Amino acid sequence: TVNVPVRRIRTDNRTEFVNQTLRDYYEEVGISHEKSVARSPQQNGVVERRNRTLIEAARTMLIYAQAPLFIWAEAVATACFTQNRSIIRLRHGKTPY
């Protein structure tokens, strides 16, 4: 477990990320909330790429296992769980992200 406080979060402008409850929470714990411009995935490139990687991993698992599509959500959750626990080695002092 890494015990580092979150100082900043960047989201798009969807209502699940931009609402009074979250604004109050961010203010209470000292998190700066940055919002990207609507319909501009380029501003959130790291997240967009991460999501694509999760989708590709889930699709690969389902195809390899010849599993039905109704377990899609479980495949995505498993891909996320696995990738969040993968060891990343620094190369030349930088991560691949």
N, C-alpha and C. Protein backbone atom coordinates (compact mmCIF):
# COMPACT_ATOMS: atom_id res chain seq x y z
N THR A 1 0.83 -1.18 0.00
CA THR A 1 0.00 0.00 0.00
C THR A 1 0.88 1.24 0.00
N VAL A 2 0.56 2.16 -0.87
CA VAL A 2 1.27 3.43 -0.93
C VAL A 2 0.46 4.44 -0.13
N ASN A 3 1.10 5.09 0.80
CA ASN A 3 0.39 6.01 1.68
C ASN A 3 0.70 7.45 1.27
N VAL A 4 0.22 7.85 0.09
CA VAL A 4 0.45 9.18 -0.43
C VAL A 4 -0.90 9.87 -0.59
N PRO A 5 -1.06 11.07 -0.05
CA PRO A 5 -2.35 11.74 -0.17
C PRO A 5 -2.63 12.20 -1.60
N VAL A 6 -3.89 12.16 -1.98
CA VAL A 6 -4.31 12.67 -3.29
C VAL A 6 -4.40 14.18 -3.16
N ARG A 7 -3.73 14.88 -4.06
CA ARG A 7 -3.75 16.34 -4.01
C ARG A 7 -4.56 16.95 -5.14
N ARG A 8 -4.66 16.21 -6.25
CA ARG A 8 -5.35 16.75 -7.41
C ARG A 8 -6.03 15.60 -8.14
N ILE A 9 -7.21 15.89 -8.68
CA ILE A 9 -7.93 14.90 -9.48
C ILE A 9 -8.44 15.61 -10.73
N ARG A 10 -8.35 14.93 -11.86
CA ARG A 10 -8.83 15.50 -13.12
C ARG A 10 -9.92 14.59 -13.67
N THR A 11 -11.05 15.19 -14.00
CA THR A 11 -12.18 14.44 -14.55
C THR A 11 -12.77 15.20 -15.73
N ASP A 12 -13.71 14.56 -16.40
CA ASP A 12 -14.47 15.30 -17.39
C ASP A 12 -15.62 15.99 -16.64
N ASN A 13 -16.52 16.61 -17.36
CA ASN A 13 -17.59 17.40 -16.73
C ASN A 13 -18.88 16.63 -16.51
N ARG A 14 -18.83 15.33 -16.47
CA ARG A 14 -20.04 14.55 -16.25
C ARG A 14 -20.52 14.74 -14.81
N THR A 15 -21.83 14.63 -14.63
CA THR A 15 -22.42 14.95 -13.33
C THR A 15 -21.97 14.02 -12.21
N GLU A 16 -21.54 12.79 -12.53
CA GLU A 16 -21.07 11.92 -11.45
C GLU A 16 -19.74 12.40 -10.88
N PHE A 17 -19.04 13.28 -11.61
CA PHE A 17 -17.78 13.82 -11.13
C PHE A 17 -17.89 15.28 -10.68
N VAL A 18 -18.90 15.98 -11.16
CA VAL A 18 -19.07 17.40 -10.85
C VAL A 18 -20.41 17.58 -10.17
N ASN A 19 -20.40 17.60 -8.86
CA ASN A 19 -21.62 17.81 -8.09
C ASN A 19 -21.25 18.38 -6.72
N GLN A 20 -22.23 18.87 -6.02
CA GLN A 20 -21.97 19.55 -4.75
C GLN A 20 -21.38 18.62 -3.70
N THR A 21 -21.83 17.38 -3.67
CA THR A 21 -21.31 16.43 -2.68
C THR A 21 -19.80 16.25 -2.86
N LEU A 22 -19.37 16.06 -4.10
CA LEU A 22 -17.93 15.90 -4.35
C LEU A 22 -17.18 17.21 -4.11
N ARG A 23 -17.76 18.34 -4.51
CA ARG A 23 -17.11 19.63 -4.25
C ARG A 23 -16.84 19.81 -2.76
N ASP A 24 -17.85 19.50 -1.95
CA ASP A 24 -17.69 19.62 -0.49
C ASP A 24 -16.60 18.68 0.02
N TYR A 25 -16.59 17.46 -0.48
CA TYR A 25 -15.58 16.49 -0.05
C TYR A 25 -14.18 16.95 -0.45
N TYR A 26 -14.01 17.36 -1.71
CA TYR A 26 -12.70 17.81 -2.17
C TYR A 26 -12.20 18.98 -1.32
N GLU A 27 -13.09 19.91 -1.02
CA GLU A 27 -12.70 21.06 -0.20
C GLU A 27 -12.31 20.61 1.21
N GLU A 28 -13.07 19.68 1.76
CA GLU A 28 -12.82 19.19 3.12
C GLU A 28 -11.45 18.52 3.26
N VAL A 29 -11.07 17.73 2.25
CA VAL A 29 -9.81 16.98 2.35
C VAL A 29 -8.66 17.64 1.59
N GLY A 30 -8.91 18.80 0.97
CA GLY A 30 -7.84 19.54 0.32
C GLY A 30 -7.43 19.02 -1.04
N ILE A 31 -8.38 18.52 -1.82
CA ILE A 31 -8.09 18.03 -3.16
C ILE A 31 -8.48 19.09 -4.18
N SER A 32 -7.58 19.36 -5.11
CA SER A 32 -7.86 20.28 -6.20
C SER A 32 -8.54 19.49 -7.32
N HIS A 33 -9.68 19.99 -7.81
CA HIS A 33 -10.43 19.28 -8.85
C HIS A 33 -10.28 20.03 -10.17
N GLU A 34 -9.65 19.39 -11.15
CA GLU A 34 -9.52 19.96 -12.49
C GLU A 34 -10.50 19.26 -13.41
N LYS A 35 -11.14 20.04 -14.27
CA LYS A 35 -12.10 19.47 -15.21
C LYS A 35 -11.61 19.70 -16.64
N SER A 36 -11.72 18.68 -17.47
CA SER A 36 -11.31 18.82 -18.87
C SER A 36 -12.45 19.44 -19.67
N VAL A 37 -12.11 19.97 -20.82
CA VAL A 37 -13.09 20.57 -21.71
C VAL A 37 -13.94 19.47 -22.32
N ALA A 38 -15.23 19.74 -22.50
CA ALA A 38 -16.16 18.75 -23.05
C ALA A 38 -15.72 18.28 -24.44
N ARG A 39 -15.90 17.01 -24.71
CA ARG A 39 -15.60 16.38 -25.99
C ARG A 39 -14.16 16.61 -26.45
N SER A 40 -13.23 16.51 -25.52
CA SER A 40 -11.81 16.64 -25.88
C SER A 40 -11.00 15.60 -25.13
N PRO A 41 -11.06 14.33 -25.58
CA PRO A 41 -10.34 13.26 -24.88
C PRO A 41 -8.83 13.48 -24.87
N GLN A 42 -8.32 14.35 -25.76
CA GLN A 42 -6.89 14.62 -25.78
C GLN A 42 -6.42 15.22 -24.45
N GLN A 43 -7.28 15.94 -23.77
CA GLN A 43 -6.90 16.55 -22.49
C GLN A 43 -6.77 15.52 -21.38
N ASN A 44 -7.34 14.36 -21.58
CA ASN A 44 -7.32 13.32 -20.57
C ASN A 44 -6.67 12.07 -21.15
N GLY A 45 -5.58 12.26 -21.88
CA GLY A 45 -4.96 11.19 -22.65
C GLY A 45 -4.54 9.98 -21.84
N VAL A 46 -3.97 10.19 -20.65
CA VAL A 46 -3.52 9.06 -19.84
C VAL A 46 -4.70 8.18 -19.45
N VAL A 47 -5.78 8.81 -19.02
CA VAL A 47 -6.97 8.05 -18.61
C VAL A 47 -7.60 7.35 -19.81
N GLU A 48 -7.69 8.04 -20.94
CA GLU A 48 -8.26 7.43 -22.13
C GLU A 48 -7.46 6.20 -22.55
N ARG A 49 -6.13 6.29 -22.49
CA ARG A 49 -5.29 5.15 -22.85
C ARG A 49 -5.46 4.01 -21.86
N ARG A 50 -5.55 4.35 -20.58
CA ARG A 50 -5.74 3.34 -19.54
C ARG A 50 -7.06 2.59 -19.75
N ASN A 51 -8.11 3.35 -20.06
CA ASN A 51 -9.40 2.72 -20.33
C ASN A 51 -9.33 1.80 -21.53
N ARG A 52 -8.63 2.24 -22.57
CA ARG A 52 -8.48 1.39 -23.76
C ARG A 52 -7.74 0.09 -23.40
N THR A 53 -6.71 0.20 -22.58
CA THR A 53 -5.95 -0.98 -22.16
C THR A 53 -6.85 -1.94 -21.39
N LEU A 54 -7.71 -1.42 -20.51
CA LEU A 54 -8.63 -2.27 -19.76
C LEU A 54 -9.60 -2.99 -20.69
N ILE A 55 -10.13 -2.26 -21.66
CA ILE A 55 -11.07 -2.85 -22.62
C ILE A 55 -10.39 -3.96 -23.42
N GLU A 56 -9.17 -3.70 -23.87
CA GLU A 56 -8.43 -4.71 -24.63
C GLU A 56 -8.14 -5.94 -23.79
N ALA A 57 -7.76 -5.74 -22.53
CA ALA A 57 -7.48 -6.88 -21.65
C ALA A 57 -8.75 -7.69 -21.39
N ALA A 58 -9.86 -7.01 -21.14
CA ALA A 58 -11.13 -7.72 -20.90
C ALA A 58 -11.55 -8.51 -22.13
N ARG A 59 -11.44 -7.89 -23.29
CA ARG A 59 -11.80 -8.57 -24.54
C ARG A 59 -10.93 -9.81 -24.75
N THR A 60 -9.63 -9.66 -24.49
CA THR A 60 -8.70 -10.78 -24.65
C THR A 60 -9.06 -11.93 -23.72
N MET A 61 -9.38 -11.61 -22.46
CA MET A 61 -9.76 -12.66 -21.50
C MET A 61 -11.01 -13.40 -21.95
N LEU A 62 -12.01 -12.65 -22.41
CA LEU A 62 -13.26 -13.28 -22.83
C LEU A 62 -13.05 -14.17 -24.06
N ILE A 63 -12.27 -13.69 -25.01
CA ILE A 63 -12.01 -14.49 -26.22
C ILE A 63 -11.23 -15.74 -25.86
N TYR A 64 -10.18 -15.59 -25.08
CA TYR A 64 -9.34 -16.73 -24.72
C TYR A 64 -10.14 -17.79 -23.96
N ALA A 65 -11.00 -17.33 -23.05
CA ALA A 65 -11.79 -18.26 -22.23
C ALA A 65 -13.06 -18.73 -22.95
N GLN A 66 -13.32 -18.18 -24.13
CA GLN A 66 -14.56 -18.45 -24.86
C GLN A 66 -15.77 -18.23 -23.95
N ALA A 67 -15.70 -17.13 -23.21
CA ALA A 67 -16.73 -16.81 -22.23
C ALA A 67 -17.84 -15.96 -22.88
N PRO A 68 -19.04 -16.04 -22.34
CA PRO A 68 -20.15 -15.25 -22.88
C PRO A 68 -20.01 -13.76 -22.54
N LEU A 69 -20.59 -12.93 -23.38
CA LEU A 69 -20.48 -11.47 -23.20
C LEU A 69 -21.15 -10.96 -21.93
N PHE A 70 -22.10 -11.71 -21.37
CA PHE A 70 -22.78 -11.18 -20.19
C PHE A 70 -21.86 -11.06 -18.98
N ILE A 71 -20.66 -11.62 -19.03
CA ILE A 71 -19.72 -11.44 -17.92
C ILE A 71 -18.69 -10.34 -18.24
N TRP A 72 -19.03 -9.48 -19.20
CA TRP A 72 -18.16 -8.38 -19.60
C TRP A 72 -17.72 -7.53 -18.41
N ALA A 73 -18.65 -7.12 -17.56
CA ALA A 73 -18.31 -6.27 -16.42
C ALA A 73 -17.32 -6.96 -15.49
N GLU A 74 -17.49 -8.24 -15.29
CA GLU A 74 -16.55 -9.00 -14.44
C GLU A 74 -15.17 -9.06 -15.09
N ALA A 75 -15.13 -9.21 -16.40
CA ALA A 75 -13.84 -9.23 -17.11
C ALA A 75 -13.12 -7.90 -16.98
N VAL A 76 -13.84 -6.80 -17.10
CA VAL A 76 -13.24 -5.47 -16.94
C VAL A 76 -12.75 -5.29 -15.51
N ALA A 77 -13.55 -5.69 -14.54
CA ALA A 77 -13.14 -5.57 -13.13
C ALA A 77 -11.90 -6.41 -12.85
N THR A 78 -11.82 -7.60 -13.43
CA THR A 78 -10.65 -8.46 -13.25
C THR A 78 -9.42 -7.85 -13.90
N ALA A 79 -9.58 -7.29 -15.09
CA ALA A 79 -8.46 -6.62 -15.77
C ALA A 79 -7.96 -5.45 -14.93
N CYS A 80 -8.87 -4.68 -14.38
CA CYS A 80 -8.50 -3.54 -13.54
C CYS A 80 -7.77 -4.02 -12.28
N PHE A 81 -8.31 -5.03 -11.62
CA PHE A 81 -7.70 -5.59 -10.42
C PHE A 81 -6.27 -6.06 -10.71
N THR A 82 -6.11 -6.78 -11.81
CA THR A 82 -4.80 -7.32 -12.18
C THR A 82 -3.81 -6.21 -12.50
N GLN A 83 -4.23 -5.25 -13.30
CA GLN A 83 -3.31 -4.18 -13.69
C GLN A 83 -2.96 -3.27 -12.53
N ASN A 84 -3.87 -3.07 -11.60
CA ASN A 84 -3.57 -2.24 -10.43
C ASN A 84 -2.56 -2.89 -9.51
N ARG A 85 -2.36 -4.19 -9.65
CA ARG A 85 -1.43 -4.91 -8.78
C ARG A 85 -0.18 -5.38 -9.51
N SER A 86 -0.03 -4.95 -10.75
CA SER A 86 1.16 -5.32 -11.53
C SER A 86 2.34 -4.46 -11.09
N ILE A 87 3.49 -5.07 -11.06
CA ILE A 87 4.70 -4.36 -10.68
C ILE A 87 5.20 -3.58 -11.89
N ILE A 88 5.49 -2.32 -11.67
CA ILE A 88 6.02 -1.46 -12.73
C ILE A 88 7.44 -1.10 -12.35
N ARG A 89 8.36 -1.39 -13.23
CA ARG A 89 9.76 -1.06 -12.98
C ARG A 89 10.12 0.22 -13.70
N LEU A 90 10.80 1.09 -12.99
CA LEU A 90 11.25 2.33 -13.61
C LEU A 90 12.37 2.03 -14.59
N ARG A 91 12.27 2.61 -15.76
CA ARG A 91 13.35 2.51 -16.74
C ARG A 91 13.85 3.93 -16.99
N HIS A 92 15.11 4.13 -16.73
CA HIS A 92 15.72 5.45 -16.91
C HIS A 92 15.03 6.49 -16.03
N GLY A 93 14.58 6.06 -14.84
CA GLY A 93 13.96 6.98 -13.89
C GLY A 93 12.55 7.40 -14.24
N LYS A 94 11.90 6.73 -15.20
CA LYS A 94 10.55 7.10 -15.62
C LYS A 94 9.65 5.88 -15.65
N THR A 95 8.37 6.09 -15.39
CA THR A 95 7.40 5.02 -15.56
C THR A 95 6.89 5.07 -17.00
N PRO A 96 6.23 4.02 -17.47
CA PRO A 96 5.68 4.06 -18.83
C PRO A 96 4.47 4.98 -18.95
N TYR A 97 4.06 5.60 -17.86
CA TYR A 97 2.89 6.48 -17.90
C TYR A 97 3.34 7.90 -17.94
